Amino acid sequence: MLAHTPLGAYMPSGISSFSVLDKNIRKYPWPYYAWLQSDKKRRVYKLPDESNFYIIHAYDDVKQVLTDQEQFSSQIFPDIEIPFFPMMKGPEHQRIRSAVRELFSNKMIATLSEDMQSFSRQYADDLFRRKTCDIVDVWSSKIPLASIATIFGYADISYDSLSSLRQQATSLNIEAFPVGGTGLKDGVNRKISPLHYLRYSRLLPVLLKLIKTIGLSNFLQFSQYLKSGKQTEGVPRQQTSIDGSIDRAHDVLSFLHTIGEILKYRVNPDSNTVVARFLRAHNEGKVSFIELLMGCLIILLAGYGTTSSLLSVGAYLFAADGDVLQTLKEDDEHIDNFVEEMLRVYAPLQRTVRRVTASVELGGYKLPKDAQLIVLIGAANVDPEIFENPYTFDISRNTTNHITFGKGIHTCLGTVLARKIAKLAFTEIVARLREINIVDQKNLQYITDRDTGMYGFEKLLVSVREE
């Protein structure tokens, strides 16, 4: 059997709106996608509590928006140019991306296959040795983290080091980049007690180390860009509350300090690593130091988080539907299709944002200049106009036309890497996995706190048995 139960072919009664901050939608968005699709008047859906946010979800509209940078800009803040290449205009985006693009080509990823296969085997060994554990922590996060840390130029890829890197990546995702939704308006969950300010003192040691490593002027410039997510009306905002912000700030500063130290003391400028490539481009005057740092941030986030989410959801599917696992065990040639169908249905990034540069008509709806479009990639991947029985997970279907990795100049840089990691990880575990069960089905911990529209599990307790 190659297909399993439809994910969202039903619509619960009572759906009357769509909110990008609704945790239930983030955990299980498909019925809400079906609700959007069920009425042509909702082809372009204006968020009821926002002055300037519109949702698009039809496949053709999403594809048009992602490929037309002139009318639908990735520079989502109209008056701020942020040196973060996924949010930069075409030529500037290409300039920074070109510094490291070759590292993520088919040819270069092929040279890393042996390392990635070794990581897949190592963390499968760890999973089966533990028998009952959080599979996100032990397996699905560790394999892509080890791979991306190797490409980065990290010297230490031990278990503890990767766990620390994962925490830093999570904090960066939560704090720094409001690129997938509306976020919280000022005053919501942001009441700060006097005691809160006293906690800033714990940031001082790592802050001083960072400034010593990258210089005060670079630090001040970088800190200005992080404030972009604290806008209020009409542009994307961070959704995070003050709770935990000190710990997250410590993680962000620690990551930047590590990158700074690699740049200053440990990088081989002739090596084929992300840091070395960016450093060469910086020394040649092609990339500023701030663009280098921001580039490192997004490559870590994109290279790790999305692939980790994909692996964790795959593990859940094996537990939820034994027929899928059995089909792959009988013929691992299906693994490629399995990965592609997962990318279609369970897109790790369910949405992104674009800004309308001039008044334009889209999907029969007139959009004003500077309107913010929340682009539902996840909904486009289940558009019934494009995919037959779109809500059925079917690994026999040809899913080459999904748009999980985007379209146009902003197509995901790590597409080849993500597919390679997923194929190697699933091939290893499918061959060895006899049985997997969810330990606490009623209390699944999904990712619900990131404005990048991440879909997947924060934590997934499982028990496993090896063949």
Protein backbone atom coordinates (compact mmCIF):
# COMPACT_ATOMS: atom_id res chain seq x y z
CA MET A 1 0.00 0.00 0.00
CA LEU A 2 1.51 3.31 -1.09
CA ALA A 3 -1.01 5.81 0.27
CA HIS A 4 -2.26 6.54 3.75
CA THR A 5 -5.16 8.33 5.39
CA PRO A 6 -6.03 11.77 3.97
CA LEU A 7 -4.64 14.56 6.10
CA GLY A 8 -7.17 17.30 5.68
CA ALA A 9 -9.89 16.12 3.34
CA TYR A 10 -12.45 17.14 5.92
CA MET A 11 -13.31 20.54 7.37
CA PRO A 12 -14.17 20.68 11.06
CA SER A 13 -17.31 22.67 11.69
CA GLY A 14 -16.83 26.19 12.93
CA ILE A 15 -13.87 27.36 10.79
CA SER A 16 -14.56 31.01 10.03
CA SER A 17 -11.13 32.63 9.80
CA PHE A 18 -7.43 31.99 9.31
CA SER A 19 -4.70 33.26 11.63
CA VAL A 20 -0.99 32.71 11.14
CA LEU A 21 -0.50 32.82 14.91
CA ASP A 22 -3.14 30.21 15.77
CA LYS A 23 -1.29 27.27 17.34
CA ASN A 24 -3.94 24.78 16.20
CA ILE A 25 -3.42 25.87 12.60
CA ARG A 26 0.32 25.53 12.99
CA LYS A 27 -0.06 22.00 14.34
CA TYR A 28 -2.58 20.84 11.75
CA PRO A 29 -3.07 23.40 8.95
CA TRP A 30 -4.68 21.26 6.24
CA PRO A 31 -8.37 21.66 7.17
CA TYR A 32 -7.81 25.41 7.23
CA TYR A 33 -6.16 25.26 3.81
CA ALA A 34 -9.24 23.38 2.58
CA TRP A 35 -11.42 26.14 4.07
CA LEU A 36 -9.48 28.80 2.17
CA GLN A 37 -9.78 26.77 -1.02
CA SER A 38 -13.52 26.13 -0.63
CA ASP A 39 -14.60 29.65 -1.59
CA LYS A 40 -13.19 31.55 -4.57
CA LYS A 41 -13.77 34.79 -2.67
CA ARG A 42 -11.00 33.67 -0.33
CA ARG A 43 -8.44 33.22 -3.09
CA VAL A 44 -6.86 36.38 -1.70
CA TYR A 45 -7.77 36.54 1.97
CA LYS A 46 -7.26 39.71 3.98
CA LEU A 47 -6.46 38.99 7.61
CA PRO A 48 -9.39 40.44 9.57
CA ASP A 49 -7.35 41.89 12.44
CA GLU A 50 -4.59 43.43 10.33
CA SER A 51 -4.54 46.55 8.18
CA ASN A 52 -2.08 45.39 5.57
CA PHE A 53 -1.72 41.58 5.51
CA TYR A 54 -3.17 39.32 2.81
CA ILE A 55 -2.95 35.55 2.44
CA ILE A 56 -2.45 33.88 -0.93
CA HIS A 57 -2.65 30.12 -1.27
CA ALA A 58 -3.56 29.12 -4.85
CA TYR A 59 -0.66 27.35 -6.57
CA ASP A 60 -0.59 29.64 -9.61
CA ASP A 61 -0.71 32.80 -7.46
CA VAL A 62 2.03 31.53 -5.16
CA LYS A 63 4.23 30.59 -8.10
CA GLN A 64 3.68 33.99 -9.71
CA VAL A 65 4.55 35.87 -6.54
CA LEU A 66 7.69 33.84 -5.87
CA THR A 67 9.04 34.31 -9.39
CA ASP A 68 8.20 37.99 -9.92
CA GLN A 69 10.64 40.00 -7.83
CA GLU A 70 9.72 43.25 -9.54
CA GLN A 71 6.12 43.30 -8.32
CA PHE A 72 6.48 41.09 -5.24
CA SER A 73 9.67 41.92 -3.39
CA SER A 74 11.48 39.83 -0.79
CA GLN A 75 12.55 43.15 0.75
CA ILE A 76 9.55 43.08 3.06
CA PHE A 77 10.36 46.28 4.96
CA PRO A 78 9.72 49.13 2.49
CA ASP A 79 12.11 51.60 4.13
CA ILE A 80 14.78 49.27 5.50
CA GLU A 81 17.34 47.34 3.49
CA ILE A 82 18.47 44.43 5.63
CA PRO A 83 21.72 42.68 4.58
CA PHE A 84 20.12 39.28 4.96
CA PHE A 85 20.23 37.78 1.49
CA PRO A 86 16.83 35.97 1.48
CA MET A 87 15.27 39.42 2.09
CA MET A 88 17.32 41.32 -0.50
CA LYS A 89 16.50 42.43 -4.04
CA GLY A 90 17.61 40.32 -7.01
CA PRO A 91 21.13 41.63 -7.83
CA GLU A 92 22.11 42.05 -4.16
CA HIS A 93 20.71 38.64 -3.29
CA GLN A 94 22.67 37.02 -6.12
CA ARG A 95 25.88 38.82 -5.14
CA ILE A 96 25.89 37.33 -1.64
CA ARG A 97 24.46 33.97 -2.64
CA SER A 98 27.14 33.53 -5.32
CA ALA A 99 29.87 33.53 -2.65
CA VAL A 100 28.76 30.12 -1.35
CA ARG A 101 26.49 28.75 -4.09
CA GLU A 102 29.07 26.27 -5.39
CA LEU A 103 29.27 24.58 -1.96
CA PHE A 104 25.66 23.46 -2.36
CA SER A 105 25.92 22.15 -5.92
CA ASN A 106 25.39 18.52 -6.88
CA LYS A 107 29.13 18.11 -7.42
CA MET A 108 30.16 19.44 -4.01
CA ILE A 109 27.41 17.64 -2.09
CA ALA A 110 28.51 14.39 -3.74
CA THR A 111 31.95 14.83 -2.17
CA LEU A 112 30.29 14.96 1.27
CA SER A 113 28.20 11.82 0.78
CA GLU A 114 30.56 9.62 2.78
CA ASP A 115 30.48 12.01 5.76
CA MET A 116 26.69 12.33 5.64
CA GLN A 117 26.27 8.57 5.39
CA SER A 118 28.51 8.21 8.43
CA PHE A 119 26.36 10.70 10.36
CA SER A 120 23.21 8.80 9.36
CA ARG A 121 24.70 5.56 10.66
CA GLN A 122 26.14 7.12 13.85
CA TYR A 123 22.87 8.69 14.98
CA ALA A 124 20.80 5.67 13.99
CA ASP A 125 23.13 3.65 16.22
CA ASP A 126 22.45 6.10 19.03
CA LEU A 127 18.69 5.94 18.49
CA PHE A 128 18.54 2.15 18.60
CA ARG A 129 20.87 1.99 21.58
CA ARG A 130 18.58 4.27 23.60
CA LYS A 131 15.38 2.45 22.51
CA THR A 132 13.10 5.13 24.04
CA CYS A 133 13.99 8.77 23.54
CA ASP A 134 13.17 12.11 21.94
CA ILE A 135 13.89 11.29 18.31
CA VAL A 136 14.20 15.00 17.41
CA ASP A 137 17.06 15.47 19.86
CA VAL A 138 18.81 12.15 19.22
CA TRP A 139 18.30 11.63 15.49
CA SER A 140 16.43 14.12 13.31
CA SER A 141 18.29 17.22 14.51
CA LYS A 142 21.73 15.66 14.84
CA ILE A 143 22.16 14.39 11.26
CA PRO A 144 21.51 17.71 9.46
CA LEU A 145 23.35 19.65 12.19
CA ALA A 146 26.45 17.50 11.80
CA SER A 147 26.29 17.89 8.02
CA ILE A 148 25.84 21.66 8.04
CA ALA A 149 28.46 22.12 10.79
CA THR A 150 30.95 20.26 8.58
CA ILE A 151 30.13 22.48 5.60
CA PHE A 152 30.40 25.54 7.86
CA GLY A 153 33.88 24.70 9.10
CA TYR A 154 33.13 23.78 12.71
CA ALA A 155 35.98 21.83 14.30
CA ASP A 156 33.81 20.32 17.06
CA ILE A 157 30.80 18.26 15.93
CA SER A 158 30.41 16.25 19.13
CA TYR A 159 26.96 15.40 20.48
CA ASP A 160 27.07 18.19 23.10
CA SER A 161 28.37 20.74 20.61
CA LEU A 162 25.58 19.92 18.16
CA SER A 163 22.99 20.16 20.95
CA SER A 164 24.29 23.64 21.78
CA LEU A 165 24.23 24.60 18.12
CA ARG A 166 20.63 23.43 17.85
CA GLN A 167 19.63 25.65 20.78
CA GLN A 168 21.38 28.60 19.17
CA ALA A 169 19.63 27.98 15.87
CA THR A 170 16.25 27.84 17.60
CA SER A 171 16.89 31.14 19.39
CA LEU A 172 18.06 32.80 16.19
CA ASN A 173 14.92 31.61 14.45
CA ILE A 174 12.62 32.92 17.19
CA GLU A 175 14.34 36.23 17.86
CA ALA A 176 15.83 37.46 14.66
CA PHE A 177 13.70 36.86 11.61
CA PRO A 178 9.98 37.73 11.35
CA VAL A 179 9.73 36.51 7.77
CA GLY A 180 6.71 34.24 7.88
CA GLY A 181 3.86 36.02 9.59
CA THR A 182 2.39 38.98 11.40
CA GLY A 183 3.84 38.58 14.88
CA LEU A 184 2.54 40.19 18.03
CA LYS A 185 1.61 43.85 18.21
CA ASP A 186 3.44 46.02 20.72
CA GLY A 187 2.22 45.59 24.26
CA VAL A 188 1.06 42.00 23.83
CA ASN A 189 2.98 39.70 26.19
CA ARG A 190 5.73 42.32 26.46
CA LYS A 191 5.22 43.66 29.98
CA ILE A 192 8.66 43.88 31.53
CA SER A 193 9.20 43.78 35.28
CA PRO A 194 12.10 45.66 36.93
CA LEU A 195 13.73 42.32 37.76
CA HIS A 196 13.95 41.57 34.05
CA TYR A 197 16.60 44.25 33.53
CA LEU A 198 18.79 42.76 36.23
CA ARG A 199 19.02 39.58 34.20
CA TYR A 200 20.80 41.43 31.39
CA SER A 201 23.97 41.27 33.47
CA ARG A 202 24.44 37.62 32.49
CA LEU A 203 24.81 38.73 28.87
CA LEU A 204 27.77 40.96 29.64
CA PRO A 205 30.57 38.34 29.47
CA VAL A 206 29.52 36.91 26.10
CA LEU A 207 28.72 40.39 24.79
CA LEU A 208 32.21 41.64 25.63
CA LYS A 209 33.77 38.55 24.02
CA LEU A 210 31.74 39.12 20.87
CA ILE A 211 32.68 42.79 20.65
CA LYS A 212 36.35 41.88 21.14
CA THR A 213 36.11 39.33 18.33
CA ILE A 214 34.15 41.25 15.66
CA GLY A 215 34.66 44.86 16.78
CA LEU A 216 32.29 47.38 18.33
CA SER A 217 31.22 49.01 15.06
CA ASN A 218 30.26 45.67 13.51
CA PHE A 219 28.33 44.69 16.61
CA LEU A 220 26.40 47.99 16.71
CA GLN A 221 25.57 47.70 13.03
CA PHE A 222 24.36 44.13 13.42
CA SER A 223 22.21 44.97 16.45
CA GLN A 224 20.36 47.62 14.42
CA TYR A 225 19.13 45.01 11.95
CA LEU A 226 17.76 42.77 14.68
CA LYS A 227 15.43 45.61 15.66
CA SER A 228 13.64 45.42 12.31
CA GLY A 229 11.31 42.75 13.69
CA LYS A 230 10.04 45.10 16.38
CA GLN A 231 7.99 47.15 13.91
CA THR A 232 4.30 47.49 14.67
CA GLU A 233 1.69 48.11 12.03
CA GLY A 234 1.71 47.14 8.37
CA VAL A 235 4.96 45.16 8.28
CA PRO A 236 6.02 41.76 9.69
CA ARG A 237 6.71 41.68 13.42
CA GLN A 238 8.28 39.19 15.76
CA GLN A 239 5.72 37.08 17.59
CA THR A 240 7.89 36.36 20.62
CA SER A 241 7.06 37.39 24.16
CA ILE A 242 9.59 38.71 26.66
CA ASP A 243 9.65 35.32 28.37
CA GLY A 244 12.94 33.60 27.67
CA SER A 245 14.33 36.53 25.69
CA ILE A 246 17.49 36.78 27.84
CA ASP A 247 18.35 33.14 27.23
CA ARG A 248 17.66 33.52 23.52
CA ALA A 249 19.81 36.67 23.35
CA HIS A 250 22.64 34.73 25.02
CA ASP A 251 22.31 32.00 22.38
CA VAL A 252 22.41 34.55 19.52
CA LEU A 253 25.49 36.28 20.92
CA SER A 254 27.22 32.92 21.51
CA PHE A 255 26.61 31.81 17.93
CA LEU A 256 27.97 35.09 16.55
CA HIS A 257 31.01 34.79 18.80
CA THR A 258 31.71 31.26 17.55
CA ILE A 259 31.49 32.40 13.91
CA GLY A 260 33.72 35.37 14.73
CA GLU A 261 36.31 33.09 16.31
CA ILE A 262 36.28 30.75 13.32
CA LEU A 263 36.81 33.75 11.05
CA LYS A 264 39.56 35.24 13.18
CA TYR A 265 41.51 32.25 14.38
CA ARG A 266 40.56 28.92 12.84
CA VAL A 267 39.50 29.33 9.24
CA ASN A 268 41.68 28.03 6.43
CA PRO A 269 41.01 30.73 3.80
CA ASP A 270 41.58 28.23 0.99
CA SER A 271 39.15 25.60 2.31
CA ASN A 272 35.75 24.78 0.85
CA THR A 273 33.65 25.83 3.82
CA VAL A 274 30.88 28.39 4.20
CA VAL A 275 32.96 30.61 6.47
CA ALA A 276 36.04 30.45 4.22
CA ARG A 277 34.03 31.23 1.07
CA PHE A 278 32.33 34.19 2.74
CA LEU A 279 35.66 35.41 4.11
CA ARG A 280 37.26 35.32 0.65
CA ALA A 281 34.33 37.26 -0.78
CA HIS A 282 34.66 39.76 2.06
CA ASN A 283 38.40 40.19 1.50
CA GLU A 284 37.70 40.78 -2.20
CA GLY A 285 35.21 43.51 -1.33
CA LYS A 286 32.19 41.57 -2.60
CA VAL A 287 30.48 40.97 0.76
CA SER A 288 30.43 43.22 3.82
CA PHE A 289 31.21 41.82 7.25
CA ILE A 290 27.59 42.21 8.33
CA GLU A 291 26.41 40.44 5.17
CA LEU A 292 28.84 37.65 6.01
CA LEU A 293 27.41 37.25 9.53
CA MET A 294 23.81 37.39 8.32
CA GLY A 295 24.64 34.87 5.59
CA CYS A 296 25.99 32.46 8.20
CA LEU A 297 22.79 32.86 10.23
CA ILE A 298 20.43 31.94 7.40
CA ILE A 299 22.54 29.03 6.15
CA LEU A 300 22.52 27.53 9.64
CA LEU A 301 18.76 28.05 10.01
CA ALA A 302 17.83 26.82 6.54
CA GLY A 303 20.41 24.05 6.46
CA TYR A 304 19.42 22.57 9.77
CA GLY A 305 15.85 23.43 10.77
CA THR A 306 13.99 22.47 7.63
CA THR A 307 15.73 19.11 7.19
CA SER A 308 15.38 18.26 10.87
CA SER A 309 11.64 18.93 10.64
CA LEU A 310 11.36 16.72 7.58
CA LEU A 311 13.10 13.81 9.31
CA SER A 312 11.01 14.13 12.46
CA VAL A 313 7.76 14.09 10.47
CA GLY A 314 8.99 11.05 8.56
CA ALA A 315 9.58 9.22 11.83
CA TYR A 316 6.06 10.13 12.91
CA LEU A 317 4.63 8.75 9.66
CA PHE A 318 6.40 5.44 10.20
CA ALA A 319 4.71 5.17 13.59
CA ALA A 320 1.32 6.41 12.36
CA ASP A 321 1.09 4.18 9.30
CA GLY A 322 3.03 0.92 9.29
CA ASP A 323 2.14 0.36 5.63
CA VAL A 324 4.37 3.25 4.60
CA LEU A 325 7.35 1.82 6.48
CA GLN A 326 6.67 -1.68 5.16
CA THR A 327 6.48 -0.42 1.57
CA LEU A 328 9.87 1.28 1.93
CA LYS A 329 11.40 -1.81 3.55
CA GLU A 330 10.23 -4.00 0.70
CA ASP A 331 11.75 -1.67 -1.91
CA ASP A 332 13.94 1.26 -0.87
CA GLU A 333 13.68 2.62 -4.42
CA HIS A 334 10.49 4.26 -3.14
CA ILE A 335 12.49 6.43 -0.72
CA ASP A 336 13.03 9.20 -3.30
CA ASN A 337 9.28 9.44 -3.91
CA PHE A 338 8.64 9.24 -0.17
CA VAL A 339 10.91 12.25 0.43
CA GLU A 340 9.28 14.25 -2.37
CA GLU A 341 5.75 13.50 -1.17
CA MET A 342 6.77 14.52 2.33
CA LEU A 343 8.17 17.76 0.96
CA ARG A 344 4.88 18.37 -0.83
CA VAL A 345 2.47 17.64 2.00
CA TYR A 346 4.58 18.43 5.06
CA ALA A 347 6.60 21.35 3.69
CA PRO A 348 9.04 22.29 6.50
CA LEU A 349 8.44 25.96 5.72
CA GLN A 350 4.71 26.36 5.28
CA ARG A 351 4.82 30.05 4.39
CA THR A 352 6.92 33.07 3.56
CA VAL A 353 6.27 36.79 3.01
CA ARG A 354 6.51 39.15 0.03
CA ARG A 355 5.78 42.88 -0.30
CA VAL A 356 3.79 44.39 -3.16
CA THR A 357 5.97 47.08 -4.76
CA ALA A 358 3.14 48.82 -6.65
CA SER A 359 -0.62 48.46 -6.81
CA VAL A 360 -1.37 45.23 -8.67
CA GLU A 361 -4.17 42.75 -9.36
CA LEU A 362 -3.65 39.18 -8.23
CA GLY A 363 -6.22 36.41 -8.34
CA GLY A 364 -8.89 38.93 -9.25
CA TYR A 365 -8.12 41.03 -6.17
CA LYS A 366 -6.66 44.54 -6.14
CA LEU A 367 -3.66 44.77 -3.81
CA PRO A 368 -2.30 48.15 -2.65
CA LYS A 369 1.33 49.23 -2.75
CA ASP A 370 3.35 47.84 0.17
CA ALA A 371 0.73 45.22 1.02
CA GLN A 372 2.30 42.30 2.85
CA LEU A 373 1.53 38.92 1.27
CA ILE A 374 1.70 35.83 3.46
CA VAL A 375 2.50 33.22 0.84
CA LEU A 376 1.16 29.82 1.92
CA ILE A 377 3.54 27.40 0.24
CA GLY A 378 2.01 24.55 2.22
CA ALA A 379 -1.48 25.32 0.87
CA ALA A 380 -0.22 25.66 -2.71
CA ASN A 381 1.21 22.15 -2.41
CA VAL A 382 -2.29 20.78 -1.76
CA ASP A 383 -4.12 22.87 -4.36
CA PRO A 384 -6.82 20.58 -5.87
CA GLU A 385 -6.46 22.43 -9.19
CA ILE A 386 -2.92 21.05 -9.48
CA PHE A 387 -2.76 17.83 -7.48
CA GLU A 388 -5.25 14.98 -7.70
CA ASN A 389 -6.52 13.96 -4.25
CA PRO A 390 -4.10 16.54 -2.82
CA TYR A 391 -4.69 15.72 0.83
CA THR A 392 -3.80 12.06 0.42
CA PHE A 393 -0.18 11.21 1.19
CA ASP A 394 0.72 8.92 -1.69
CA ILE A 395 4.33 7.92 -2.36
CA SER A 396 3.44 6.55 -5.78
CA ARG A 397 2.57 10.00 -7.15
CA ASN A 398 4.91 12.17 -9.20
CA THR A 399 5.50 15.20 -7.00
CA THR A 400 8.21 17.00 -8.93
CA ASN A 401 6.04 20.11 -9.28
CA HIS A 402 5.72 20.93 -5.57
CA ILE A 403 7.11 24.34 -4.61
CA THR A 404 8.46 23.60 -1.14
CA PHE A 405 11.91 24.91 -2.07
CA GLY A 406 10.47 28.04 -3.64
CA LYS A 407 10.76 29.35 -7.18
CA GLY A 408 12.84 31.91 -9.01
CA ILE A 409 16.05 33.50 -7.74
CA HIS A 410 15.14 32.74 -4.13
CA THR A 411 14.88 28.98 -4.64
CA CYS A 412 16.37 27.37 -1.54
CA LEU A 413 20.17 27.28 -1.69
CA GLY A 414 20.27 23.97 0.19
CA THR A 415 17.85 22.01 -2.01
CA VAL A 416 20.41 19.38 -3.05
CA LEU A 417 21.78 19.07 0.48
CA ALA A 418 18.35 18.64 2.09
CA ARG A 419 17.32 15.91 -0.36
CA LYS A 420 20.64 14.09 0.06
CA ILE A 421 20.51 14.15 3.87
CA ALA A 422 16.89 12.97 3.89
CA LYS A 423 17.53 10.12 1.47
CA LEU A 424 20.59 8.86 3.35
CA ALA A 425 18.94 9.18 6.78
CA PHE A 426 15.74 7.40 5.74
CA THR A 427 17.62 4.69 3.83
CA GLU A 428 19.66 3.88 6.95
CA ILE A 429 16.79 3.84 9.40
CA VAL A 430 14.30 2.01 7.15
CA ALA A 431 16.75 -0.87 6.69
CA ARG A 432 17.16 -1.26 10.45
CA LEU A 433 13.79 -0.27 11.90
CA ARG A 434 11.50 -3.10 12.94
CA GLU A 435 8.97 -1.08 14.92
CA ILE A 436 8.44 2.49 16.10
CA ASN A 437 5.72 3.81 18.41
CA ILE A 438 4.82 7.24 19.73
CA VAL A 439 5.14 7.26 23.52
CA ASP A 440 2.60 10.02 24.23
CA GLN A 441 0.29 10.51 21.25
CA LYS A 442 -1.99 12.93 23.14
CA ASN A 443 0.76 15.42 23.98
CA LEU A 444 2.70 15.87 20.77
CA GLN A 445 4.98 18.92 20.89
CA TYR A 446 4.84 20.74 17.59
CA ILE A 447 6.84 23.80 16.58
CA THR A 448 4.48 26.74 17.13
CA ASP A 449 6.69 29.67 18.09
CA ARG A 450 8.62 30.60 14.94
CA ASP A 451 7.56 33.28 12.47
CA THR A 452 9.38 31.54 9.66
CA GLY A 453 6.34 29.27 9.33
CA MET A 454 8.26 26.15 10.40
CA TYR A 455 6.28 22.91 10.51
CA GLY A 456 7.48 19.89 12.45
CA PHE A 457 8.06 18.59 15.95
CA GLU A 458 9.83 20.36 18.78
CA LYS A 459 9.99 17.07 20.64
CA LEU A 460 8.78 13.58 19.71
CA LEU A 461 9.07 10.76 22.26
CA VAL A 462 9.26 7.36 20.58
CA SER A 463 10.16 3.77 21.35
CA VAL A 464 11.99 1.81 18.68
CA ARG A 465 13.01 -1.78 17.98
CA GLU A 466 15.76 -2.75 15.57
CA GLU A 467 15.61 -5.67 13.14
